[in-house]
Amino acid sequence: MLSIRRKISFIIVTVLVLVGCFFYLYDQVYLTTGNATEQQTVLVEKGDNALVVGERLAKGRVISGKYYLAYYLWKNNQLHSLVAGVYVFVPGMKIPEIARIITGGEVASTSIPITFPEGWTVKQMAARLSANGFDGDEFLSLANSPSQQLKDRYKFLAEIPAGKSLEGYLFPDTYYFAKDATAQDVIEKMLKNFSLKMDDALLTEISKQKKTLYEILTMASIVEGEVKTDEDRKIVAGLFWNRISAGMALGSDATLEYVLGTNDKQHSIAQTKIDSPYNTYLYKGLPPGPVSNPGLSAITAAIYPTNTQYNYFLSDPKTGKTIFAKTFAEHVANKAKYGL
């Protein structure tokens, strides 16, 4: 009897250890990033195997360990798909994205680096592409009228209402584009990056909240335009969701900026009365769609907001610090104090 109990206990412990190992491996391969704080240049030489490349990446702190890269490549039948060349990696990249780069031959020596900051609109991205020799007009045309073929290829685009653009889905990041890259190539690379950033855990949480990805991106784009720190983004996201629940207008300057196409610190009463569905001073609820392309911090803030008793906020024009208030009277006093 005792022997049977020991065998059962041993089996249970073994199963728990194996399950723990599986989740740890999954976390390291699909969710964890390296500790690099600056972009790293890594050489992949002809004949290098996955462990050699993984070791170089680990030394540059691009990834947390060489074996995790090798495992990912093995699992996806890409162990022999490495392309020799010089690659540049920015901080925060996960192994699936890194693998895509080194197996796709996106080498820095024959590519043009372009950075799209968080909160940029499709129009701003198009202008930067044009300034770097790419077809910004075609990019803007494709982004404003995504084809059904593109929507079928990337299932997360299915929620985009008819007639709406890819605003919100073109992930802001530093990209390396081949000199002859077409507008279609550029958009697909950005959408692939978006799909990597929006992992299953985030999408599952959005579904649990009975929200759509399109709604989350719309809120995230507003939060992106309002405040700059991770903590403030979560507080403002919670504040805005509460306003929607209470039937209040969001009153967001970020949405008004989208209407005006300007970058003013504050707006006149006349500007807040401009008739546009994107003017959240006039119309309650979320605007018809995202007003920019938000980064991961703003997206996660929209998904995991901080619930507080704050109802109002403003930014100190001198320091940029966010000043919160619980009551309208307190908010009015803050505006007078900070000269707004």
Protein backbone atom coordinates (compact mmCIF):
# COMPACT_ATOMS: atom_id res chain seq x y z
CA MET A 1 0.00 0.00 0.00
CA LEU A 2 2.77 2.41 0.96
CA SER A 3 4.66 1.55 -2.21
CA ILE A 4 1.62 2.39 -4.37
CA ARG A 5 1.22 5.75 -2.60
CA ARG A 6 4.88 6.53 -3.21
CA LYS A 7 4.52 5.67 -6.90
CA ILE A 8 1.43 7.89 -7.21
CA SER A 9 3.20 10.73 -5.40
CA PHE A 10 6.21 10.33 -7.65
CA ILE A 11 4.01 10.45 -10.77
CA ILE A 12 2.19 13.57 -9.53
CA VAL A 13 5.44 15.36 -8.71
CA THR A 14 6.91 14.39 -12.09
CA VAL A 15 3.84 15.68 -13.94
CA LEU A 16 3.95 18.98 -12.01
CA VAL A 17 7.65 19.40 -12.77
CA LEU A 18 7.08 18.71 -16.47
CA VAL A 19 4.18 21.17 -16.61
CA GLY A 20 6.29 23.79 -14.84
CA CYS A 21 9.14 23.22 -17.29
CA PHE A 22 6.79 23.60 -20.24
CA PHE A 23 5.41 26.94 -19.06
CA TYR A 24 8.89 28.20 -18.23
CA LEU A 25 10.15 27.24 -21.71
CA TYR A 26 7.12 28.85 -23.36
CA ASP A 27 7.71 32.06 -21.42
CA GLN A 28 11.39 32.22 -22.35
CA VAL A 29 10.81 31.47 -26.02
CA TYR A 30 7.66 33.46 -26.80
CA LEU A 31 7.27 36.16 -24.15
CA THR A 32 10.65 37.09 -22.70
CA THR A 33 12.95 39.70 -24.22
CA GLY A 34 16.64 40.31 -23.66
CA ASN A 35 18.04 43.01 -21.37
CA ALA A 36 19.67 45.13 -24.08
CA THR A 37 19.01 48.84 -23.65
CA GLU A 38 20.50 49.91 -26.98
CA GLN A 39 20.33 48.47 -30.49
CA GLN A 40 22.77 45.63 -31.11
CA THR A 41 24.57 44.66 -34.31
CA VAL A 42 25.04 40.91 -34.74
CA LEU A 43 26.88 39.06 -37.50
CA VAL A 44 25.55 35.79 -38.90
CA GLU A 45 28.27 34.09 -40.93
CA LYS A 46 27.78 31.48 -43.60
CA GLY A 47 27.70 28.05 -41.98
CA ASP A 48 26.75 29.31 -38.50
CA ASN A 49 24.32 27.05 -36.71
CA ALA A 50 21.47 28.13 -34.42
CA LEU A 51 23.49 27.73 -31.21
CA VAL A 52 26.36 29.87 -32.50
CA VAL A 53 23.99 32.63 -33.55
CA GLY A 54 22.03 32.23 -30.33
CA GLU A 55 25.19 32.66 -28.29
CA ARG A 56 26.05 35.92 -30.07
CA LEU A 57 22.54 37.20 -29.51
CA ALA A 58 22.67 36.19 -25.84
CA LYS A 59 26.02 37.95 -25.35
CA GLY A 60 24.50 41.09 -26.80
CA ARG A 61 21.55 40.60 -24.41
CA VAL A 62 19.18 40.54 -27.38
CA ILE A 63 17.75 37.25 -26.05
CA SER A 64 17.93 35.61 -22.63
CA GLY A 65 19.61 32.37 -23.73
CA LYS A 66 21.02 30.70 -26.85
CA TYR A 67 19.05 27.47 -26.45
CA TYR A 68 15.70 29.24 -26.64
CA LEU A 69 16.43 30.51 -30.15
CA ALA A 70 17.59 27.05 -31.25
CA TYR A 71 14.43 25.48 -29.83
CA TYR A 72 12.19 27.96 -31.66
CA LEU A 73 13.98 27.43 -34.97
CA TRP A 74 13.86 23.65 -34.52
CA LYS A 75 10.15 23.71 -33.66
CA ASN A 76 9.39 25.77 -36.77
CA ASN A 77 11.62 23.74 -39.10
CA GLN A 78 13.99 26.69 -39.60
CA LEU A 79 17.25 25.32 -38.20
CA HIS A 80 18.80 25.43 -41.66
CA SER A 81 17.12 28.66 -42.79
CA LEU A 82 19.58 31.19 -41.34
CA VAL A 83 20.67 33.84 -43.81
CA ALA A 84 24.22 35.23 -43.49
CA GLY A 85 24.58 38.96 -43.02
CA VAL A 86 24.82 41.83 -40.55
CA TYR A 87 21.66 42.37 -38.51
CA VAL A 88 20.58 45.16 -36.20
CA PHE A 89 18.22 44.45 -33.30
CA VAL A 90 16.43 47.03 -31.17
CA PRO A 91 15.60 46.49 -27.45
CA GLY A 92 12.43 44.61 -26.57
CA MET A 93 12.37 42.15 -29.46
CA LYS A 94 11.07 38.63 -28.83
CA ILE A 95 12.48 35.44 -30.32
CA PRO A 96 9.73 34.92 -32.96
CA GLU A 97 10.46 38.38 -34.38
CA ILE A 98 14.24 37.83 -34.23
CA ALA A 99 13.86 34.48 -35.99
CA ARG A 100 11.79 36.11 -38.72
CA ILE A 101 14.55 38.65 -39.33
CA ILE A 102 17.51 36.24 -39.48
CA THR A 103 15.66 33.67 -41.59
CA GLY A 104 14.20 36.31 -43.86
CA GLY A 105 17.54 37.95 -44.62
CA GLU A 106 16.54 41.41 -43.37
CA VAL A 107 20.15 42.48 -43.15
CA ALA A 108 21.14 45.99 -42.12
CA SER A 109 23.84 46.40 -44.75
CA THR A 110 21.35 46.35 -47.62
CA SER A 111 18.43 47.89 -45.76
CA ILE A 112 17.29 51.37 -44.85
CA PRO A 113 16.35 51.93 -41.19
CA ILE A 114 13.16 53.91 -40.60
CA THR A 115 11.71 54.69 -37.19
CA PHE A 116 8.01 55.35 -36.71
CA PRO A 117 7.45 56.81 -33.21
CA GLU A 118 4.52 55.78 -31.02
CA GLY A 119 1.44 57.86 -31.69
CA TRP A 120 2.19 58.68 -35.32
CA THR A 121 -0.65 58.68 -37.81
CA VAL A 122 -0.66 56.88 -41.15
CA LYS A 123 -0.13 60.25 -42.85
CA GLN A 124 3.00 60.96 -40.80
CA MET A 125 4.36 57.50 -41.59
CA ALA A 126 3.75 58.05 -45.29
CA ALA A 127 5.64 61.36 -45.18
CA ARG A 128 8.64 59.70 -43.52
CA LEU A 129 8.66 56.92 -46.09
CA SER A 130 8.63 59.49 -48.92
CA ALA A 131 11.49 61.37 -47.27
CA ASN A 132 13.54 58.15 -47.35
CA GLY A 133 12.94 57.34 -50.99
CA PHE A 134 9.95 55.00 -50.67
CA ASP A 135 6.51 55.40 -52.23
CA GLY A 136 4.70 57.16 -49.41
CA ASP A 137 1.67 57.97 -51.57
CA GLU A 138 1.12 54.31 -52.43
CA PHE A 139 1.62 53.38 -48.77
CA LEU A 140 -1.05 55.91 -47.77
CA SER A 141 -3.41 54.63 -50.45
CA LEU A 142 -3.03 50.99 -49.36
CA ALA A 143 -3.31 51.88 -45.67
CA ASN A 144 -6.46 53.94 -46.22
CA SER A 145 -8.11 51.25 -48.33
CA PRO A 146 -6.89 47.83 -47.15
CA SER A 147 -7.76 45.07 -49.58
CA GLN A 148 -9.95 42.13 -48.67
CA GLN A 149 -6.99 39.88 -49.46
CA LEU A 150 -4.97 41.65 -46.77
CA LYS A 151 -7.81 41.34 -44.27
CA ASP A 152 -8.10 37.63 -45.03
CA ARG A 153 -4.36 37.15 -44.50
CA TYR A 154 -4.34 38.92 -41.12
CA LYS A 155 -7.42 37.79 -39.23
CA PHE A 156 -7.11 40.54 -36.60
CA LEU A 157 -8.07 43.03 -39.33
CA ALA A 158 -11.53 41.47 -39.62
CA GLU A 159 -12.96 43.86 -37.02
CA ILE A 160 -12.10 46.97 -39.04
CA PRO A 161 -15.40 48.54 -40.17
CA ALA A 162 -15.98 48.90 -43.89
CA GLY A 163 -14.32 51.97 -45.30
CA LYS A 164 -11.88 52.40 -42.40
CA SER A 165 -8.08 52.45 -42.68
CA LEU A 166 -5.26 50.50 -41.02
CA GLU A 167 -4.81 53.36 -38.55
CA GLY A 168 -3.97 51.74 -35.20
CA TYR A 169 -2.61 48.49 -36.66
CA LEU A 170 0.68 49.73 -38.16
CA PHE A 171 2.93 49.05 -35.20
CA PRO A 172 5.36 51.89 -34.36
CA ASP A 173 8.94 50.59 -34.31
CA THR A 174 12.30 50.79 -36.06
CA TYR A 175 12.21 48.80 -39.29
CA TYR A 176 14.83 47.86 -41.85
CA PHE A 177 13.42 47.94 -45.35
CA ALA A 178 15.12 46.75 -48.50
CA LYS A 179 15.86 49.62 -50.86
CA ASP A 180 13.43 48.23 -53.40
CA ALA A 181 10.67 47.46 -50.88
CA THR A 182 7.18 48.23 -52.16
CA ALA A 183 4.44 49.90 -50.15
CA GLN A 184 2.83 46.47 -49.82
CA ASP A 185 6.09 45.06 -48.39
CA VAL A 186 6.25 47.86 -45.84
CA ILE A 187 2.66 47.42 -44.68
CA GLU A 188 2.98 43.63 -44.41
CA LYS A 189 6.14 43.90 -42.32
CA MET A 190 4.39 46.30 -39.95
CA LEU A 191 1.33 44.05 -39.68
CA LYS A 192 3.53 41.00 -38.98
CA ASN A 193 5.20 42.96 -36.20
CA PHE A 194 1.78 43.90 -34.81
CA SER A 195 0.73 40.25 -34.79
CA LEU A 196 3.85 39.34 -32.79
CA LYS A 197 3.26 42.09 -30.23
CA MET A 198 -0.42 41.20 -29.76
CA ASP A 199 0.07 37.77 -28.24
CA ASP A 200 -2.65 35.32 -27.25
CA ALA A 201 -2.71 36.49 -23.61
CA LEU A 202 -3.63 40.05 -24.61
CA LEU A 203 -6.23 38.94 -27.15
CA THR A 204 -7.79 36.55 -24.64
CA GLU A 205 -8.06 39.30 -22.03
CA ILE A 206 -9.73 41.63 -24.55
CA SER A 207 -12.28 38.91 -25.31
CA LYS A 208 -12.92 38.33 -21.59
CA GLN A 209 -13.74 42.01 -21.21
CA LYS A 210 -16.24 41.71 -24.08
CA LYS A 211 -14.39 44.38 -26.01
CA THR A 212 -13.03 44.24 -29.54
CA LEU A 213 -9.42 44.74 -30.57
CA TYR A 214 -10.60 47.72 -32.64
CA GLU A 215 -12.09 49.36 -29.53
CA ILE A 216 -8.90 48.72 -27.55
CA LEU A 217 -6.72 50.22 -30.28
CA THR A 218 -9.00 53.23 -30.49
CA MET A 219 -8.73 53.84 -26.75
CA ALA A 220 -4.98 53.15 -26.81
CA SER A 221 -4.45 55.69 -29.57
CA ILE A 222 -6.23 58.34 -27.48
CA VAL A 223 -4.22 57.48 -24.37
CA GLU A 224 -1.01 57.57 -26.45
CA GLY A 225 -1.75 61.14 -27.43
CA GLU A 226 -2.63 62.30 -23.94
CA VAL A 227 0.14 61.14 -21.58
CA LYS A 228 3.65 59.69 -21.82
CA THR A 229 4.45 57.44 -18.84
CA ASP A 230 3.26 53.86 -18.31
CA GLU A 231 1.64 54.70 -14.96
CA ASP A 232 -0.17 57.77 -16.29
CA ARG A 233 -1.41 55.86 -19.33
CA LYS A 234 -3.08 53.25 -17.13
CA ILE A 235 -4.70 55.90 -14.94
CA VAL A 236 -5.97 57.90 -17.93
CA ALA A 237 -7.23 54.73 -19.63
CA GLY A 238 -9.21 53.89 -16.48
CA LEU A 239 -10.51 57.47 -16.30
CA PHE A 240 -11.67 57.38 -19.93
CA TRP A 241 -13.32 53.96 -19.65
CA ASN A 242 -15.17 55.26 -16.57
CA ARG A 243 -16.35 58.31 -18.52
CA ILE A 244 -17.75 56.03 -21.21
CA SER A 245 -19.51 53.86 -18.61
CA ALA A 246 -21.01 56.98 -17.04
CA GLY A 247 -22.26 58.27 -20.39
CA MET A 248 -19.88 61.24 -20.35
CA ALA A 249 -18.00 62.69 -23.31
CA LEU A 250 -14.29 61.80 -23.33
CA GLY A 251 -13.27 65.39 -24.10
CA SER A 252 -9.91 64.25 -25.45
CA ASP A 253 -7.51 66.73 -27.05
CA ALA A 254 -5.87 63.81 -28.86
CA THR A 255 -9.04 63.18 -30.87
CA LEU A 256 -9.39 66.89 -31.60
CA GLU A 257 -5.81 66.95 -32.87
CA TYR A 258 -6.75 64.20 -35.31
CA VAL A 259 -9.55 66.38 -36.64
CA LEU A 260 -7.44 69.55 -36.84
CA GLY A 261 -4.18 67.96 -37.96
CA THR A 262 -2.29 70.20 -35.54
CA ASN A 263 -0.25 69.76 -32.37
CA ASP A 264 -1.53 72.47 -30.03
CA LYS A 265 -1.07 72.26 -26.26
CA GLN A 266 -4.64 73.46 -25.70
CA HIS A 267 -7.67 74.31 -27.79
CA SER A 268 -10.13 77.16 -28.00
CA ILE A 269 -13.82 76.80 -27.26
CA ALA A 270 -14.51 77.27 -30.97
CA GLN A 271 -12.19 74.37 -31.84
CA THR A 272 -13.94 72.05 -29.37
CA LYS A 273 -17.20 72.71 -31.24
CA ILE A 274 -15.94 71.58 -34.65
CA ASP A 275 -18.48 69.09 -36.00
CA SER A 276 -16.67 65.80 -36.54
CA PRO A 277 -17.46 62.27 -35.28
CA TYR A 278 -13.84 62.23 -34.04
CA ASN A 279 -14.47 65.27 -31.83
CA THR A 280 -15.00 63.67 -28.43
CA TYR A 281 -15.91 67.04 -26.93
CA LEU A 282 -19.13 66.91 -28.94
CA TYR A 283 -19.82 63.18 -29.31
CA LYS A 284 -19.93 60.66 -26.47
CA GLY A 285 -18.18 57.30 -26.48
CA LEU A 286 -15.20 56.26 -28.54
CA PRO A 287 -14.54 57.96 -31.87
CA PRO A 288 -15.14 55.94 -35.08
CA GLY A 289 -11.61 54.50 -34.98
CA PRO A 290 -8.01 54.94 -33.82
CA VAL A 291 -6.53 58.43 -34.09
CA SER A 292 -2.94 57.17 -34.34
CA ASN A 293 -0.85 54.02 -34.18
CA PRO A 294 -0.23 53.33 -30.47
CA GLY A 295 2.72 51.51 -28.93
CA LEU A 296 2.52 48.45 -26.70
CA SER A 297 2.51 50.48 -23.47
CA ALA A 298 -0.62 52.38 -24.49
CA ILE A 299 -2.27 49.19 -25.76
CA THR A 300 -1.67 47.32 -22.50
CA ALA A 301 -2.89 50.39 -20.56
CA ALA A 302 -6.17 50.24 -22.50
CA ILE A 303 -6.47 46.54 -21.67
CA TYR A 304 -5.30 46.75 -18.05
CA PRO A 305 -6.35 50.23 -16.84
CA THR A 306 -5.90 51.50 -13.29
CA ASN A 307 -9.19 52.30 -11.61
CA THR A 308 -8.96 55.48 -9.50
CA GLN A 309 -11.26 58.22 -8.20
CA TYR A 310 -9.77 60.72 -10.63
CA ASN A 311 -12.14 62.32 -13.12
CA TYR A 312 -9.95 65.02 -14.70
CA PHE A 313 -6.34 65.59 -15.66
CA LEU A 314 -4.05 68.07 -17.37
CA SER A 315 -0.38 68.26 -18.33
CA ASP A 316 1.98 70.80 -16.77
CA PRO A 317 3.10 72.81 -19.85
CA LYS A 318 6.58 73.25 -18.36
CA THR A 319 7.40 69.73 -17.15
CA GLY A 320 4.86 67.57 -18.96
CA LYS A 321 3.85 66.03 -15.63
CA THR A 322 0.24 64.83 -15.46
CA ILE A 323 -1.85 66.55 -12.79
CA PHE A 324 -4.96 64.64 -11.75
CA ALA A 325 -8.11 65.88 -10.02
CA LYS A 326 -11.14 64.20 -8.49
CA THR A 327 -13.58 67.09 -8.82
CA PHE A 328 -14.23 69.71 -11.49
CA ALA A 329 -13.53 72.47 -8.98
CA GLU A 330 -10.13 70.95 -8.25
CA HIS A 331 -9.46 70.64 -11.98
CA VAL A 332 -10.34 74.32 -12.56
CA ALA A 333 -7.98 75.29 -9.74
CA ASN A 334 -5.21 73.18 -11.33
CA LYS A 335 -5.74 74.90 -14.68
CA ALA A 336 -5.34 78.30 -13.06
CA LYS A 337 -2.28 77.14 -11.13
CA TYR A 338 -0.51 75.84 -14.24
CA GLY A 339 -1.57 78.69 -16.51
CA LEU A 340 -3.99 76.76 -18.70
